[in-house]
Amino acid sequence: MRNVALTIAAAAVAVGLSGCGKSPGANQADQSQANASAQSTTAGATTGAEPDEHEKKEVVEHLPPPYNTGDIANGETKFLVCKSCHTTTAGGPDMTGPNLSGIIGRKVASKAGYTYSDALKAQTFTWDTAQLDKWLTDPKAMVPGTKMTFPGMKDPKDRIDLIAYLAAETTTHK
């Protein structure tokens, strides 16, 4: 149910945040496993259906710590900065940045139809919560040469909340 949705959400965020290059070391394996677990928990939702508040909270609860404590409402507020360049609706348009639907679990720079920077295309990671956190902290430091102009979000709690929001909003429900 949420698995497919979370995977799509991850991919979308990854595409939009396509500047994350390195992972936080040994924690990345744990993060990837936790993300996979969260994604498998979501398998079975209704395709194309908008998630209700309960479903959104369920997605967040299955994220690895500390992202599972994210405040979706604050994350939505923080996303307003991103909204000028990114959409989150499944099948939505790309803008200056790619549509973020399905970002979590998607390989970096892999959204069909979007033209990524060479720097981002040279990356090999898959978007997960840890990669998104690193990307949101400072995209240009993570991937020098990225075309993303976002300067980064310095407050760790705001990043946690934004990642929780992205997971909840961009997960495709099947």
N, C-alpha and C. Protein backbone atom coordinates (compact mmCIF):
# COMPACT_ATOMS: atom_id res chain seq x y z
N MET A 1 0.83 -1.18 0.00
CA MET A 1 0.00 0.00 0.00
C MET A 1 0.87 1.24 0.00
N ARG A 2 1.64 1.44 1.01
CA ARG A 2 2.50 2.61 1.11
C ARG A 2 3.86 2.36 0.47
N ASN A 3 4.21 1.11 0.29
CA ASN A 3 5.53 0.77 -0.24
C ASN A 3 5.74 1.40 -1.60
N VAL A 4 4.81 1.19 -2.49
CA VAL A 4 4.94 1.73 -3.83
C VAL A 4 4.91 3.25 -3.77
N ALA A 5 4.02 3.74 -2.95
CA ALA A 5 3.88 5.18 -2.82
C ALA A 5 5.14 5.80 -2.25
N LEU A 6 5.70 5.18 -1.24
CA LEU A 6 6.90 5.69 -0.62
C LEU A 6 8.07 5.63 -1.59
N THR A 7 8.13 4.58 -2.37
CA THR A 7 9.18 4.44 -3.36
C THR A 7 9.09 5.57 -4.37
N ILE A 8 7.89 5.85 -4.83
CA ILE A 8 7.70 6.91 -5.79
C ILE A 8 8.01 8.25 -5.15
N ALA A 9 7.60 8.41 -3.92
CA ALA A 9 7.87 9.65 -3.21
C ALA A 9 9.37 9.87 -3.08
N ALA A 10 10.07 8.82 -2.76
CA ALA A 10 11.51 8.91 -2.60
C ALA A 10 12.15 9.30 -3.91
N ALA A 11 11.69 8.71 -4.97
CA ALA A 11 12.26 9.00 -6.27
C ALA A 11 12.01 10.46 -6.63
N ALA A 12 10.83 10.94 -6.35
CA ALA A 12 10.50 12.32 -6.68
C ALA A 12 11.36 13.28 -5.90
N VAL A 13 11.49 13.05 -4.63
CA VAL A 13 12.32 13.91 -3.81
C VAL A 13 13.75 13.82 -4.28
N ALA A 14 14.17 12.63 -4.62
CA ALA A 14 15.52 12.43 -5.09
C ALA A 14 15.77 13.22 -6.35
N VAL A 15 14.82 13.17 -7.24
CA VAL A 15 14.98 13.88 -8.49
C VAL A 15 15.07 15.37 -8.22
N GLY A 16 14.19 15.84 -7.39
CA GLY A 16 14.18 17.25 -7.07
C GLY A 16 15.37 17.65 -6.26
N LEU A 17 15.83 16.74 -5.49
CA LEU A 17 16.95 17.00 -4.62
C LEU A 17 18.21 16.38 -5.18
N SER A 18 18.21 16.18 -6.43
CA SER A 18 19.25 15.46 -7.12
C SER A 18 20.66 15.94 -6.87
N GLY A 19 20.92 16.62 -5.83
CA GLY A 19 22.26 17.11 -5.56
C GLY A 19 22.95 16.30 -4.49
N CYS A 20 22.27 15.39 -3.88
CA CYS A 20 22.88 14.61 -2.81
C CYS A 20 23.83 13.60 -3.42
N GLY A 21 25.04 13.56 -2.99
CA GLY A 21 25.98 12.63 -3.58
C GLY A 21 26.45 11.60 -2.62
N LYS A 22 26.78 11.97 -1.42
CA LYS A 22 27.37 11.03 -0.49
C LYS A 22 26.39 10.69 0.60
N SER A 23 26.55 9.52 1.13
CA SER A 23 25.67 9.09 2.20
C SER A 23 26.41 9.19 3.52
N PRO A 24 25.67 9.08 4.62
CA PRO A 24 26.29 9.23 5.92
C PRO A 24 27.00 7.98 6.40
N GLY A 25 27.75 7.36 5.56
CA GLY A 25 28.57 6.21 5.97
C GLY A 25 27.79 4.99 6.34
N ALA A 26 28.18 4.37 7.46
CA ALA A 26 27.58 3.12 7.88
C ALA A 26 26.08 3.25 8.09
N ASN A 27 25.62 4.45 8.39
CA ASN A 27 24.20 4.65 8.62
C ASN A 27 23.39 4.47 7.36
N GLN A 28 23.99 4.64 6.19
CA GLN A 28 23.21 4.56 4.97
C GLN A 28 22.61 3.19 4.78
N ALA A 29 23.33 2.13 5.10
CA ALA A 29 22.77 0.79 4.96
C ALA A 29 21.56 0.65 5.86
N ASP A 30 21.66 1.15 7.08
CA ASP A 30 20.54 1.11 7.99
C ASP A 30 19.38 1.94 7.46
N GLN A 31 19.69 3.11 6.93
CA GLN A 31 18.66 3.98 6.39
C GLN A 31 17.98 3.32 5.20
N SER A 32 18.77 2.73 4.30
CA SER A 32 18.20 2.08 3.13
C SER A 32 17.30 0.93 3.54
N GLN A 33 17.73 0.16 4.52
CA GLN A 33 16.92 -0.96 4.99
C GLN A 33 15.63 -0.44 5.62
N ALA A 34 15.72 0.61 6.39
CA ALA A 34 14.53 1.17 7.02
C ALA A 34 13.59 1.75 5.97
N ASN A 35 14.16 2.39 4.95
CA ASN A 35 13.34 2.94 3.87
C ASN A 35 12.64 1.82 3.12
N ALA A 36 13.35 0.73 2.86
CA ALA A 36 12.75 -0.40 2.17
C ALA A 36 11.63 -0.99 3.00
N SER A 37 11.84 -1.04 4.30
CA SER A 37 10.80 -1.55 5.20
C SER A 37 9.58 -0.64 5.16
N ALA A 38 9.83 0.65 5.17
CA ALA A 38 8.72 1.60 5.11
C ALA A 38 7.97 1.46 3.80
N GLN A 39 8.72 1.24 2.73
CA GLN A 39 8.09 1.10 1.42
C GLN A 39 7.26 -0.17 1.36
N SER A 40 7.77 -1.27 1.89
CA SER A 40 7.02 -2.51 1.83
C SER A 40 5.78 -2.43 2.69
N THR A 41 5.81 -1.64 3.71
CA THR A 41 4.66 -1.47 4.58
C THR A 41 3.54 -0.77 3.84
N THR A 42 3.89 -0.01 2.82
CA THR A 42 2.89 0.77 2.12
C THR A 42 2.32 0.07 0.90
N ALA A 43 2.82 -1.08 0.54
CA ALA A 43 2.29 -1.78 -0.63
C ALA A 43 0.85 -2.13 -0.35
N GLY A 44 -0.04 -1.83 -1.32
CA GLY A 44 -1.41 -2.21 -1.16
C GLY A 44 -2.38 -1.05 -1.10
N ALA A 45 -1.91 0.16 -1.18
CA ALA A 45 -2.83 1.30 -1.18
C ALA A 45 -3.53 1.37 -2.52
N THR A 46 -4.45 2.27 -2.67
CA THR A 46 -5.21 2.38 -3.89
C THR A 46 -4.46 3.22 -4.91
N THR A 47 -4.26 2.71 -6.10
CA THR A 47 -3.53 3.42 -7.14
C THR A 47 -4.19 4.74 -7.46
N GLY A 48 -3.38 5.79 -7.44
CA GLY A 48 -3.86 7.09 -7.82
C GLY A 48 -4.69 7.79 -6.76
N ALA A 49 -5.06 7.11 -5.71
CA ALA A 49 -5.89 7.72 -4.68
C ALA A 49 -5.07 8.70 -3.86
N GLU A 50 -5.70 9.80 -3.49
CA GLU A 50 -5.03 10.75 -2.62
C GLU A 50 -4.97 10.15 -1.22
N PRO A 51 -3.84 10.23 -0.56
CA PRO A 51 -3.74 9.67 0.78
C PRO A 51 -4.54 10.52 1.78
N ASP A 52 -5.17 9.84 2.74
CA ASP A 52 -5.85 10.60 3.79
C ASP A 52 -4.84 10.84 4.91
N GLU A 53 -5.25 11.59 5.91
CA GLU A 53 -4.34 11.95 7.00
C GLU A 53 -3.80 10.72 7.72
N HIS A 54 -4.64 9.72 7.90
CA HIS A 54 -4.20 8.48 8.56
C HIS A 54 -3.11 7.80 7.74
N GLU A 55 -3.31 7.73 6.44
CA GLU A 55 -2.31 7.10 5.55
C GLU A 55 -1.00 7.88 5.56
N LYS A 56 -1.09 9.19 5.58
CA LYS A 56 0.11 10.02 5.61
C LYS A 56 0.89 9.77 6.90
N LYS A 57 0.18 9.73 8.02
CA LYS A 57 0.83 9.47 9.30
C LYS A 57 1.46 8.09 9.31
N GLU A 58 0.79 7.13 8.68
CA GLU A 58 1.32 5.76 8.62
C GLU A 58 2.64 5.73 7.85
N VAL A 59 2.71 6.46 6.75
CA VAL A 59 3.95 6.53 5.98
C VAL A 59 5.07 7.08 6.86
N VAL A 60 4.80 8.16 7.55
CA VAL A 60 5.81 8.80 8.40
C VAL A 60 6.24 7.86 9.52
N GLU A 61 5.30 7.17 10.14
CA GLU A 61 5.62 6.24 11.23
C GLU A 61 6.59 5.14 10.80
N HIS A 62 6.58 4.80 9.52
CA HIS A 62 7.44 3.74 9.02
C HIS A 62 8.78 4.23 8.48
N LEU A 63 9.01 5.52 8.56
CA LEU A 63 10.31 6.06 8.17
C LEU A 63 11.32 5.73 9.27
N PRO A 64 12.60 5.69 8.92
CA PRO A 64 13.62 5.45 9.96
C PRO A 64 13.74 6.67 10.87
N PRO A 65 14.18 6.45 12.11
CA PRO A 65 14.40 7.58 13.02
C PRO A 65 15.49 8.50 12.46
N PRO A 66 15.43 9.75 12.65
CA PRO A 66 14.43 10.53 13.38
C PRO A 66 13.27 10.99 12.49
N TYR A 67 13.26 10.59 11.24
CA TYR A 67 12.26 11.07 10.27
C TYR A 67 10.86 10.61 10.63
N ASN A 68 10.76 9.52 11.38
CA ASN A 68 9.46 9.01 11.80
C ASN A 68 8.79 9.89 12.85
N THR A 69 9.49 10.91 13.30
CA THR A 69 8.93 11.87 14.26
C THR A 69 8.57 13.19 13.57
N GLY A 70 8.70 13.22 12.25
CA GLY A 70 8.47 14.47 11.52
C GLY A 70 7.06 15.01 11.65
N ASP A 71 6.97 16.32 11.65
CA ASP A 71 5.70 17.04 11.72
C ASP A 71 5.30 17.40 10.28
N ILE A 72 4.31 16.68 9.75
CA ILE A 72 3.89 16.87 8.36
C ILE A 72 3.44 18.31 8.11
N ALA A 73 2.72 18.89 9.04
CA ALA A 73 2.22 20.26 8.85
C ALA A 73 3.38 21.27 8.73
N ASN A 74 4.39 21.14 9.59
CA ASN A 74 5.54 22.03 9.48
C ASN A 74 6.30 21.75 8.18
N GLY A 75 6.40 20.47 7.81
CA GLY A 75 7.06 20.12 6.56
C GLY A 75 6.37 20.74 5.35
N GLU A 76 5.05 20.77 5.40
CA GLU A 76 4.29 21.39 4.31
C GLU A 76 4.61 22.88 4.22
N THR A 77 4.74 23.52 5.36
CA THR A 77 5.11 24.93 5.40
C THR A 77 6.50 25.13 4.82
N LYS A 78 7.43 24.26 5.17
CA LYS A 78 8.80 24.37 4.66
C LYS A 78 8.85 24.09 3.16
N PHE A 79 7.93 23.26 2.67
CA PHE A 79 7.90 22.94 1.24
C PHE A 79 7.49 24.14 0.38
N LEU A 80 6.90 25.16 0.98
CA LEU A 80 6.49 26.32 0.20
C LEU A 80 7.68 26.92 -0.57
N VAL A 81 8.87 26.84 0.01
CA VAL A 81 10.07 27.33 -0.67
C VAL A 81 10.36 26.48 -1.91
N CYS A 82 10.12 25.19 -1.81
CA CYS A 82 10.41 24.24 -2.88
C CYS A 82 9.37 24.32 -4.00
N LYS A 83 8.16 24.72 -3.62
CA LYS A 83 7.01 24.70 -4.52
C LYS A 83 7.19 25.59 -5.75
N SER A 84 8.07 26.57 -5.68
CA SER A 84 8.27 27.43 -6.83
C SER A 84 8.98 26.69 -7.97
N CYS A 85 9.63 25.56 -7.64
CA CYS A 85 10.36 24.79 -8.67
C CYS A 85 9.90 23.34 -8.81
N HIS A 86 9.17 22.81 -7.83
CA HIS A 86 8.80 21.39 -7.81
C HIS A 86 7.32 21.17 -7.57
N THR A 87 6.78 20.14 -8.21
CA THR A 87 5.44 19.66 -7.92
C THR A 87 5.58 18.30 -7.26
N THR A 88 4.52 17.84 -6.60
CA THR A 88 4.57 16.56 -5.89
C THR A 88 3.48 15.58 -6.32
N THR A 89 2.55 16.02 -7.13
CA THR A 89 1.44 15.17 -7.53
C THR A 89 1.89 14.12 -8.53
N ALA A 90 1.45 12.88 -8.32
CA ALA A 90 1.77 11.81 -9.26
C ALA A 90 1.32 12.23 -10.65
N GLY A 91 2.22 12.13 -11.62
CA GLY A 91 1.90 12.52 -12.99
C GLY A 91 1.94 14.02 -13.21
N GLY A 92 2.28 14.77 -12.17
CA GLY A 92 2.34 16.22 -12.29
C GLY A 92 3.51 16.66 -13.16
N PRO A 93 3.50 17.91 -13.55
CA PRO A 93 4.53 18.41 -14.45
C PRO A 93 5.87 18.65 -13.76
N ASP A 94 6.91 18.60 -14.58
CA ASP A 94 8.22 19.07 -14.13
C ASP A 94 8.17 20.59 -14.29
N MET A 95 8.92 21.26 -13.46
CA MET A 95 9.01 22.71 -13.58
C MET A 95 10.49 23.03 -13.75
N THR A 96 10.99 24.03 -13.06
CA THR A 96 12.42 24.29 -13.09
C THR A 96 13.14 23.06 -12.56
N GLY A 97 12.55 22.45 -11.55
CA GLY A 97 13.04 21.19 -10.99
C GLY A 97 12.06 20.08 -11.35
N PRO A 98 12.49 18.84 -11.19
CA PRO A 98 11.61 17.71 -11.54
C PRO A 98 10.46 17.54 -10.56
N ASN A 99 9.40 16.90 -11.03
CA ASN A 99 8.30 16.50 -10.16
C ASN A 99 8.87 15.52 -9.14
N LEU A 100 8.48 15.65 -7.89
CA LEU A 100 9.05 14.84 -6.81
C LEU A 100 8.23 13.61 -6.45
N SER A 101 7.16 13.35 -7.16
CA SER A 101 6.35 12.18 -6.85
C SER A 101 7.21 10.92 -6.98
N GLY A 102 7.21 10.10 -5.95
CA GLY A 102 7.96 8.85 -5.97
C GLY A 102 9.44 8.99 -5.72
N ILE A 103 9.86 10.07 -5.12
CA ILE A 103 11.29 10.33 -4.95
C ILE A 103 12.01 9.32 -4.07
N ILE A 104 11.40 8.95 -2.94
CA ILE A 104 12.08 8.03 -2.01
C ILE A 104 12.15 6.64 -2.63
N GLY A 105 13.36 6.15 -2.77
CA GLY A 105 13.58 4.85 -3.38
C GLY A 105 13.96 4.93 -4.86
N ARG A 106 13.99 6.11 -5.41
CA ARG A 106 14.32 6.28 -6.83
C ARG A 106 15.80 6.63 -6.97
N LYS A 107 16.41 6.07 -7.99
CA LYS A 107 17.81 6.38 -8.29
C LYS A 107 17.93 7.85 -8.66
N VAL A 108 18.99 8.46 -8.20
CA VAL A 108 19.24 9.86 -8.47
C VAL A 108 19.25 10.13 -9.98
N ALA A 109 18.74 11.28 -10.37
CA ALA A 109 18.74 11.75 -11.75
C ALA A 109 18.14 10.74 -12.72
N SER A 110 17.07 10.08 -12.30
CA SER A 110 16.50 9.03 -13.17
C SER A 110 15.07 9.30 -13.62
N LYS A 111 14.50 10.44 -13.31
CA LYS A 111 13.13 10.70 -13.72
C LYS A 111 13.11 10.97 -15.22
N ALA A 112 12.38 10.15 -15.93
CA ALA A 112 12.27 10.28 -17.38
C ALA A 112 11.70 11.66 -17.74
N GLY A 113 12.28 12.26 -18.76
CA GLY A 113 11.77 13.51 -19.27
C GLY A 113 12.35 14.76 -18.63
N TYR A 114 13.15 14.59 -17.58
CA TYR A 114 13.75 15.76 -16.95
C TYR A 114 15.23 15.79 -17.28
N THR A 115 15.75 16.98 -17.58
CA THR A 115 17.16 17.14 -17.93
C THR A 115 17.96 17.55 -16.69
N TYR A 116 18.77 16.61 -16.20
CA TYR A 116 19.58 16.83 -15.02
C TYR A 116 20.95 17.38 -15.40
N SER A 117 21.60 18.01 -14.43
CA SER A 117 22.96 18.48 -14.63
C SER A 117 23.88 17.27 -14.78
N ASP A 118 25.00 17.46 -15.46
CA ASP A 118 25.98 16.38 -15.60
C ASP A 118 26.48 15.94 -14.23
N ALA A 119 26.62 16.88 -13.32
CA ALA A 119 27.10 16.56 -11.97
C ALA A 119 26.14 15.60 -11.27
N LEU A 120 24.87 15.84 -11.43
CA LEU A 120 23.88 14.97 -10.79
C LEU A 120 23.79 13.62 -11.50
N LYS A 121 23.88 13.65 -12.82
CA LYS A 121 23.83 12.39 -13.58
C LYS A 121 25.02 11.50 -13.26
N ALA A 122 26.11 12.07 -12.79
CA ALA A 122 27.30 11.29 -12.45
C ALA A 122 27.16 10.56 -11.10
N GLN A 123 26.13 10.89 -10.33
CA GLN A 123 25.92 10.28 -9.01
C GLN A 123 25.30 8.88 -9.18
N THR A 124 25.47 8.05 -8.18
CA THR A 124 24.97 6.66 -8.29
C THR A 124 24.06 6.24 -7.14
N PHE A 125 23.74 7.12 -6.23
CA PHE A 125 22.94 6.74 -5.07
C PHE A 125 21.45 6.69 -5.40
N THR A 126 20.71 6.16 -4.45
CA THR A 126 19.25 6.13 -4.50
C THR A 126 18.75 7.04 -3.40
N TRP A 127 17.72 7.81 -3.70
CA TRP A 127 17.18 8.74 -2.72
C TRP A 127 16.54 7.98 -1.56
N ASP A 128 17.01 8.29 -0.36
CA ASP A 128 16.40 7.80 0.86
C ASP A 128 16.39 8.97 1.83
N THR A 129 15.93 8.74 3.04
CA THR A 129 15.82 9.85 3.99
C THR A 129 17.17 10.49 4.29
N ALA A 130 18.20 9.69 4.44
CA ALA A 130 19.53 10.22 4.76
C ALA A 130 20.09 11.05 3.61
N GLN A 131 19.90 10.56 2.38
CA GLN A 131 20.38 11.32 1.21
C GLN A 131 19.61 12.62 1.06
N LEU A 132 18.30 12.56 1.28
CA LEU A 132 17.49 13.77 1.20
C LEU A 132 17.93 14.78 2.25
N ASP A 133 18.21 14.29 3.43
CA ASP A 133 18.64 15.18 4.51
C ASP A 133 19.95 15.88 4.12
N LYS A 134 20.86 15.11 3.60
CA LYS A 134 22.14 15.69 3.19
C LYS A 134 21.93 16.70 2.06
N TRP A 135 21.10 16.34 1.11
CA TRP A 135 20.80 17.21 -0.03
C TRP A 135 20.16 18.51 0.45
N LEU A 136 19.15 18.38 1.30
CA LEU A 136 18.44 19.56 1.79
C LEU A 136 19.32 20.46 2.65
N THR A 137 20.35 19.90 3.25
CA THR A 137 21.27 20.69 4.07
C THR A 137 22.07 21.65 3.18
N ASP A 138 22.60 21.14 2.07
CA ASP A 138 23.41 21.97 1.17
C ASP A 138 23.62 21.23 -0.15
N PRO A 139 22.71 21.41 -1.11
CA PRO A 139 22.81 20.69 -2.39
C PRO A 139 24.14 20.89 -3.11
N LYS A 140 24.64 22.11 -3.13
CA LYS A 140 25.89 22.38 -3.86
C LYS A 140 27.11 21.76 -3.19
N ALA A 141 27.08 21.59 -1.88
CA ALA A 141 28.18 20.93 -1.20
C ALA A 141 28.10 19.43 -1.45
N MET A 142 26.90 18.89 -1.52
CA MET A 142 26.74 17.46 -1.74
C MET A 142 27.12 17.08 -3.16
N VAL A 143 26.68 17.90 -4.12
CA VAL A 143 26.97 17.63 -5.53
C VAL A 143 27.44 18.93 -6.18
N PRO A 144 28.73 19.20 -6.09
CA PRO A 144 29.25 20.39 -6.75
C PRO A 144 28.91 20.33 -8.24
N GLY A 145 28.39 21.43 -8.75
CA GLY A 145 28.02 21.48 -10.16
C GLY A 145 26.54 21.23 -10.41
N THR A 146 25.78 20.96 -9.35
CA THR A 146 24.34 20.80 -9.53
C THR A 146 23.75 22.12 -10.00
N LYS A 147 22.68 22.05 -10.76
CA LYS A 147 22.05 23.29 -11.21
C LYS A 147 20.99 23.78 -10.22
N MET A 148 20.77 23.03 -9.16
CA MET A 148 19.79 23.44 -8.16
C MET A 148 20.33 24.63 -7.39
N THR A 149 19.55 25.69 -7.33
CA THR A 149 20.01 26.93 -6.70
C THR A 149 19.62 27.06 -5.24
N PHE A 150 18.84 26.14 -4.72
CA PHE A 150 18.42 26.17 -3.32
C PHE A 150 19.66 26.19 -2.42
N PRO A 151 19.75 27.15 -1.49
CA PRO A 151 20.95 27.29 -0.65
C PRO A 151 21.04 26.27 0.49
N GLY A 152 19.96 25.59 0.76
CA GLY A 152 19.97 24.61 1.84
C GLY A 152 19.12 25.06 3.00
N MET A 153 18.76 24.09 3.83
CA MET A 153 17.95 24.33 5.01
C MET A 153 18.79 23.93 6.21
N LYS A 154 19.15 24.88 7.02
CA LYS A 154 20.11 24.63 8.10
C LYS A 154 19.51 23.95 9.33
N ASP A 155 18.23 24.19 9.64
CA ASP A 155 17.63 23.64 10.85
C ASP A 155 17.31 22.15 10.67
N PRO A 156 17.94 21.27 11.47
CA PRO A 156 17.72 19.82 11.33
C PRO A 156 16.25 19.43 11.51
N LYS A 157 15.54 20.05 12.43
CA LYS A 157 14.13 19.71 12.66
C LYS A 157 13.30 20.07 11.44
N ASP A 158 13.58 21.19 10.80
CA ASP A 158 12.85 21.57 9.60
C ASP A 158 13.10 20.56 8.48
N ARG A 159 14.33 20.08 8.37
CA ARG A 159 14.63 19.06 7.34
C ARG A 159 13.89 17.76 7.64
N ILE A 160 13.87 17.35 8.89
CA ILE A 160 13.15 16.13 9.28
C ILE A 160 11.67 16.28 8.91
N ASP A 161 11.10 17.42 9.23
CA ASP A 161 9.69 17.66 8.93
C ASP A 161 9.43 17.71 7.43
N LEU A 162 10.33 18.34 6.69
CA LEU A 162 10.17 18.41 5.24
C LEU A 162 10.26 17.02 4.62
N ILE A 163 11.18 16.22 5.07
CA ILE A 163 11.33 14.85 4.55
C ILE A 163 10.09 14.03 4.89
N ALA A 164 9.56 14.18 6.09
CA ALA A 164 8.32 13.48 6.46
C ALA A 164 7.18 13.92 5.56
N TYR A 165 7.08 15.21 5.31
CA TYR A 165 6.04 15.72 4.41
C TYR A 165 6.20 15.15 3.00
N LEU A 166 7.42 15.18 2.49
CA LEU A 166 7.64 14.65 1.14
C LEU A 166 7.29 13.17 1.05
N ALA A 167 7.67 12.41 2.05
CA ALA A 167 7.34 10.98 2.07
C ALA A 167 5.82 10.79 2.07
N ALA A 168 5.13 11.54 2.92
CA ALA A 168 3.68 11.41 3.03
C ALA A 168 2.96 11.87 1.78
N GLU A 169 3.45 12.93 1.15
CA GLU A 169 2.77 13.51 0.00
C GLU A 169 3.13 12.87 -1.33
N THR A 170 4.32 12.34 -1.45
CA THR A 170 4.76 11.90 -2.78
C THR A 170 4.76 10.40 -2.94
N THR A 171 4.23 9.70 -1.98
CA THR A 171 4.13 8.26 -2.09
C THR A 171 2.92 7.92 -2.92
N THR A 172 3.11 7.11 -3.94
CA THR A 172 2.00 6.70 -4.79
C THR A 172 1.26 5.58 -4.10
N HIS A 173 -0.02 5.72 -4.01
CA HIS A 173 -0.84 4.74 -3.28
C HIS A 173 -1.41 3.73 -4.23
N LYS A 174 -1.02 2.47 -4.03
CA LYS A 174 -1.52 1.37 -4.87
C LYS A 174 -2.23 0.38 -4.04
